[in-house]
Amino acid sequence: MFAPVNIQEKLIRERKKTVEKEDVIGWVYSIFKELDTSNIAILERLSQSPIDRDINNFDIDKVDTNAIFHISQIKKICVDYRLRFLDTRYFKGAYPQSVVSKIKALEEDHHTVLDGFKIIAPSKLFTLDKADDPLLFAPMGNDYYYLIHKWGTDLHPFRKFKYWSIKNVENLGISLFALSFLLTIVTKNVIYDESANFGHLFMLFLFYLKGSLGMLFFYGAASGKNFSLYSWQSRYDKIT
């Protein structure tokens, strides 16, 4: 009933919000200024990237404009779906042959050697060997990245909703208030019968809010997890 979430499609839609009305060709030309290259083997570059460079030189006449994304668009998707955007040196998953083939084809077409690879993936893929929709990028300069390849399985369609409350402080506050309000409505007749007035309901609401905050601080201190807004580029699983 609910289709899986395709992160590549989400990125394209996010980019369209800012560039669909602009001169796309002019926009692409503005990206390719003062770009450098490196010359190291593909697997070594993937496992140790970045090695020498964090900017790559692409042939402007051969690029796919649908594969170019700005860091702001990447950040938006990573925060919404609680994903990480890190150097491939931290990636623990396996690379399929299709990734190497795509890199080789790009390097031949653009007469360059790519370096500085980055990858979008759930945090577990940087500690465990799993396959949940990784996206491999190469930096182009000026905070633009070129999507090389996407593999694995698409994300669950409810992933964005699942992590909405820990996206940032504001969302967490709204979630706690909403939960406390819901618990108040559901249990008011059980606790006060039908004699509850506004004062009773307000006290019950504060009780639930206090309890929710207490559980949050206890769980937060025990887990050490950070908000998605601050963890999307962190290579650490916990707050440091």
Protein backbone atom coordinates (compact mmCIF):
# COMPACT_ATOMS: atom_id res chain seq x y z
CA MET A 1 0.00 0.00 0.00
CA PHE A 2 2.89 2.35 0.76
CA ALA A 3 5.72 2.51 -1.75
CA PRO A 4 9.37 2.45 -0.58
CA VAL A 5 11.16 5.80 -0.45
CA ASN A 6 13.62 6.42 -3.29
CA ILE A 7 16.20 8.88 -1.91
CA GLN A 8 17.49 9.71 -5.41
CA GLU A 9 14.01 10.87 -6.44
CA LYS A 10 13.67 12.88 -3.22
CA LEU A 11 16.97 14.65 -3.96
CA ILE A 12 15.85 15.51 -7.48
CA ARG A 13 12.58 16.98 -6.19
CA GLU A 14 14.44 18.98 -3.54
CA ARG A 15 16.82 20.38 -6.18
CA LYS A 16 13.92 21.36 -8.45
CA LYS A 17 12.65 23.71 -5.74
CA THR A 18 15.72 25.90 -6.22
CA VAL A 19 16.83 25.42 -9.82
CA GLU A 20 13.84 24.51 -11.98
CA LYS A 21 13.22 28.14 -12.97
CA GLU A 22 16.86 28.98 -13.52
CA ASP A 23 18.99 28.62 -16.64
CA VAL A 24 20.13 25.03 -16.15
CA ILE A 25 23.00 25.24 -18.63
CA GLY A 26 24.28 28.42 -17.04
CA TRP A 27 23.86 26.84 -13.63
CA VAL A 28 25.93 23.81 -14.68
CA TYR A 29 28.70 25.99 -16.20
CA SER A 30 28.95 27.96 -12.97
CA ILE A 31 29.75 24.77 -11.05
CA PHE A 32 32.85 23.79 -13.07
CA LYS A 33 35.47 26.32 -11.97
CA GLU A 34 38.99 25.54 -10.80
CA LEU A 35 38.44 21.80 -10.30
CA ASP A 36 41.36 19.44 -9.54
CA THR A 37 41.94 15.72 -10.14
CA SER A 38 43.89 12.85 -8.58
CA ASN A 39 45.29 9.59 -9.93
CA ILE A 40 44.83 6.60 -7.60
CA ALA A 41 43.19 3.16 -8.06
CA ILE A 42 39.38 2.96 -7.59
CA LEU A 43 39.18 0.55 -4.67
CA GLU A 44 41.96 2.33 -2.80
CA ARG A 45 40.25 5.64 -3.31
CA LEU A 46 36.95 4.25 -2.06
CA SER A 47 38.47 2.70 1.06
CA GLN A 48 40.66 5.69 1.94
CA SER A 49 38.91 8.63 0.32
CA PRO A 50 39.67 11.44 0.38
CA ILE A 51 43.34 10.79 -0.33
CA ASP A 52 44.71 13.75 -2.29
CA ARG A 53 41.70 15.75 -3.49
CA ASP A 54 38.21 16.64 -2.42
CA ILE A 55 37.30 18.24 -5.76
CA ASN A 56 37.07 16.54 -9.17
CA ASN A 57 37.29 17.74 -12.77
CA PHE A 58 34.33 16.76 -14.99
CA ASP A 59 33.82 17.33 -18.71
CA ILE A 60 31.00 19.86 -18.78
CA ASP A 61 29.71 18.55 -22.12
CA LYS A 62 29.23 15.01 -20.77
CA VAL A 63 27.72 15.55 -17.33
CA ASP A 64 24.21 14.45 -16.46
CA THR A 65 22.50 17.48 -14.92
CA ASN A 66 20.11 15.16 -13.06
CA ALA A 67 23.08 13.77 -11.14
CA ILE A 68 24.26 17.12 -9.72
CA PHE A 69 23.15 18.07 -6.20
CA HIS A 70 24.03 20.91 -3.84
CA ILE A 71 25.03 20.24 -0.25
CA SER A 72 21.87 22.02 0.97
CA GLN A 73 19.69 19.52 -0.92
CA ILE A 74 21.69 16.60 0.42
CA LYS A 75 21.43 17.96 3.96
CA LYS A 76 17.64 18.34 3.70
CA ILE A 77 17.15 14.70 2.66
CA CYS A 78 19.65 13.37 5.21
CA VAL A 79 18.01 15.26 8.07
CA ASP A 80 14.48 14.26 7.00
CA TYR A 81 15.32 10.56 6.74
CA ARG A 82 18.05 10.41 9.43
CA LEU A 83 20.86 9.47 7.07
CA ARG A 84 24.58 10.19 7.15
CA PHE A 85 26.69 11.90 4.48
CA LEU A 86 30.29 10.89 5.09
CA ASP A 87 33.57 10.08 3.37
CA THR A 88 33.65 6.54 1.97
CA ARG A 89 36.58 5.69 4.25
CA TYR A 90 34.00 5.30 7.05
CA PHE A 91 31.65 3.11 5.03
CA LYS A 92 31.57 -0.54 6.19
CA GLY A 93 29.28 -1.94 3.51
CA ALA A 94 30.45 -3.83 0.44
CA TYR A 95 30.66 -2.17 -2.98
CA PRO A 96 28.97 -4.09 -5.81
CA GLN A 97 30.72 -4.44 -9.15
CA SER A 98 28.28 -1.93 -10.61
CA VAL A 99 29.86 0.81 -8.48
CA VAL A 100 33.35 0.14 -9.85
CA SER A 101 31.94 -0.03 -13.38
CA LYS A 102 30.20 3.33 -12.98
CA ILE A 103 33.36 4.96 -11.66
CA LYS A 104 35.45 3.53 -14.51
CA ALA A 105 32.94 4.70 -17.09
CA LEU A 106 32.82 8.20 -15.60
CA GLU A 107 36.61 8.47 -15.49
CA GLU A 108 36.89 7.36 -19.12
CA ASP A 109 34.16 9.74 -20.30
CA HIS A 110 35.55 12.71 -18.38
CA HIS A 111 39.26 11.84 -18.76
CA THR A 112 39.86 12.16 -15.04
CA VAL A 113 40.57 10.13 -11.88
CA LEU A 114 37.98 10.62 -9.16
CA ASP A 115 38.74 11.11 -5.49
CA GLY A 116 37.06 12.49 -2.38
CA PHE A 117 34.10 10.12 -2.59
CA LYS A 118 31.21 10.59 -0.18
CA ILE A 119 28.22 8.40 0.50
CA ILE A 120 24.65 8.80 1.78
CA ALA A 121 23.49 5.86 3.91
CA PRO A 122 21.83 5.04 7.25
CA SER A 123 24.21 5.28 10.22
CA LYS A 124 24.31 1.48 10.64
CA LEU A 125 26.01 1.15 7.26
CA PHE A 126 29.01 2.97 8.71
CA THR A 127 29.35 0.34 11.46
CA LEU A 128 27.74 -2.79 9.96
CA ASP A 129 27.68 -4.50 6.56
CA LYS A 130 24.10 -3.98 5.35
CA ALA A 131 22.47 -2.75 2.12
CA ASP A 132 19.89 0.00 2.61
CA ASP A 133 19.92 2.45 -0.28
CA PRO A 134 23.51 3.79 -0.32
CA LEU A 135 24.23 6.64 -2.77
CA LEU A 136 27.81 7.29 -3.87
CA PHE A 137 28.90 10.86 -4.72
CA ALA A 138 32.02 12.60 -6.01
CA PRO A 139 32.65 16.24 -5.07
CA MET A 140 32.66 18.83 -7.87
CA GLY A 141 33.60 21.94 -5.94
CA ASN A 142 31.58 24.89 -4.63
CA ASP A 143 29.52 22.49 -2.44
CA TYR A 144 28.19 20.54 -5.42
CA TYR A 145 28.29 16.75 -5.65
CA TYR A 146 27.89 14.36 -8.57
CA LEU A 147 25.79 11.23 -7.97
CA ILE A 148 27.78 8.27 -9.31
CA HIS A 149 25.59 5.32 -8.36
CA LYS A 150 22.75 4.13 -6.11
CA TRP A 151 22.38 0.50 -5.06
CA GLY A 152 20.81 -1.66 -2.35
CA THR A 153 17.16 -1.49 -1.32
CA ASP A 154 14.93 1.57 -1.04
CA LEU A 155 14.07 2.98 2.37
CA HIS A 156 10.84 2.16 4.16
CA PRO A 157 8.14 4.73 3.27
CA PHE A 158 7.56 5.51 6.98
CA ARG A 159 11.22 6.20 7.74
CA LYS A 160 10.73 9.99 7.49
CA PHE A 161 7.77 9.84 9.89
CA LYS A 162 9.61 7.44 12.21
CA TYR A 163 12.46 9.89 12.80
CA TRP A 164 10.46 13.13 12.53
CA SER A 165 10.41 13.73 16.29
CA ILE A 166 14.22 13.60 16.58
CA LYS A 167 14.89 15.69 13.50
CA ASN A 168 15.56 18.77 15.67
CA VAL A 169 14.72 20.33 19.04
CA GLU A 170 11.53 21.96 17.76
CA ASN A 171 10.10 18.68 16.45
CA LEU A 172 10.92 16.92 19.70
CA GLY A 173 9.13 19.61 21.71
CA ILE A 174 6.04 19.37 19.49
CA SER A 175 6.05 15.58 19.82
CA LEU A 176 6.25 15.70 23.61
CA PHE A 177 3.41 18.22 23.86
CA ALA A 178 1.29 16.21 21.43
CA LEU A 179 1.94 12.96 23.32
CA SER A 180 1.12 14.56 26.68
CA PHE A 181 -2.05 16.10 25.28
CA LEU A 182 -3.16 12.79 23.77
CA LEU A 183 -2.53 10.91 27.02
CA THR A 184 -4.48 13.57 28.90
CA ILE A 185 -7.50 13.20 26.60
CA VAL A 186 -7.41 9.41 26.67
CA THR A 187 -7.08 9.01 30.46
CA LYS A 188 -8.98 12.02 31.85
CA ASN A 189 -12.24 10.12 32.38
CA VAL A 190 -10.41 7.17 33.93
CA ILE A 191 -8.66 9.36 36.49
CA TYR A 192 -11.25 12.06 37.16
CA ASP A 193 -14.46 10.39 35.93
CA GLU A 194 -16.58 13.15 34.39
CA SER A 195 -15.98 15.75 37.11
CA ALA A 196 -12.71 17.05 35.69
CA ASN A 197 -12.42 20.78 35.14
CA PHE A 198 -9.76 22.72 33.24
CA GLY A 199 -7.48 22.85 36.29
CA HIS A 200 -7.57 19.07 36.67
CA LEU A 201 -6.83 18.54 33.00
CA PHE A 202 -3.99 21.04 33.06
CA MET A 203 -2.40 19.32 36.07
CA LEU A 204 -2.77 15.93 34.36
CA PHE A 205 -1.20 17.34 31.22
CA LEU A 206 1.76 18.69 33.21
CA PHE A 207 2.14 15.31 34.89
CA TYR A 208 2.41 13.53 31.56
CA LEU A 209 4.71 16.22 30.14
CA LYS A 210 7.00 15.94 33.14
CA GLY A 211 7.05 12.18 32.85
CA SER A 212 7.79 12.33 29.14
CA LEU A 213 10.64 14.78 29.71
CA GLY A 214 12.06 12.57 32.46
CA MET A 215 11.99 9.49 30.24
CA LEU A 216 13.52 11.50 27.41
CA PHE A 217 16.45 12.70 29.51
CA PHE A 218 16.99 9.20 30.88
CA TYR A 219 16.93 7.58 27.45
CA GLY A 220 18.91 10.41 25.86
CA ALA A 221 21.67 10.17 28.46
CA ALA A 222 21.78 6.38 28.15
CA SER A 223 21.83 6.25 24.34
CA GLY A 224 23.88 9.36 23.62
CA LYS A 225 21.99 9.90 20.36
CA ASN A 226 21.95 13.31 18.72
CA PHE A 227 19.33 15.10 16.62
CA SER A 228 19.36 14.38 12.88
CA LEU A 229 20.08 18.05 12.20
CA TYR A 230 23.44 17.73 13.96
CA SER A 231 24.38 14.11 13.18
CA TRP A 232 23.98 13.95 9.39
CA GLN A 233 27.71 14.63 8.84
CA SER A 234 29.01 13.09 12.06
CA ARG A 235 31.04 9.91 11.84
CA TYR A 236 30.28 9.15 15.49
CA ASP A 237 27.20 7.14 16.48
CA LYS A 238 26.89 9.05 19.75
CA ILE A 239 27.33 12.66 20.90
CA THR A 240 30.99 13.45 21.47
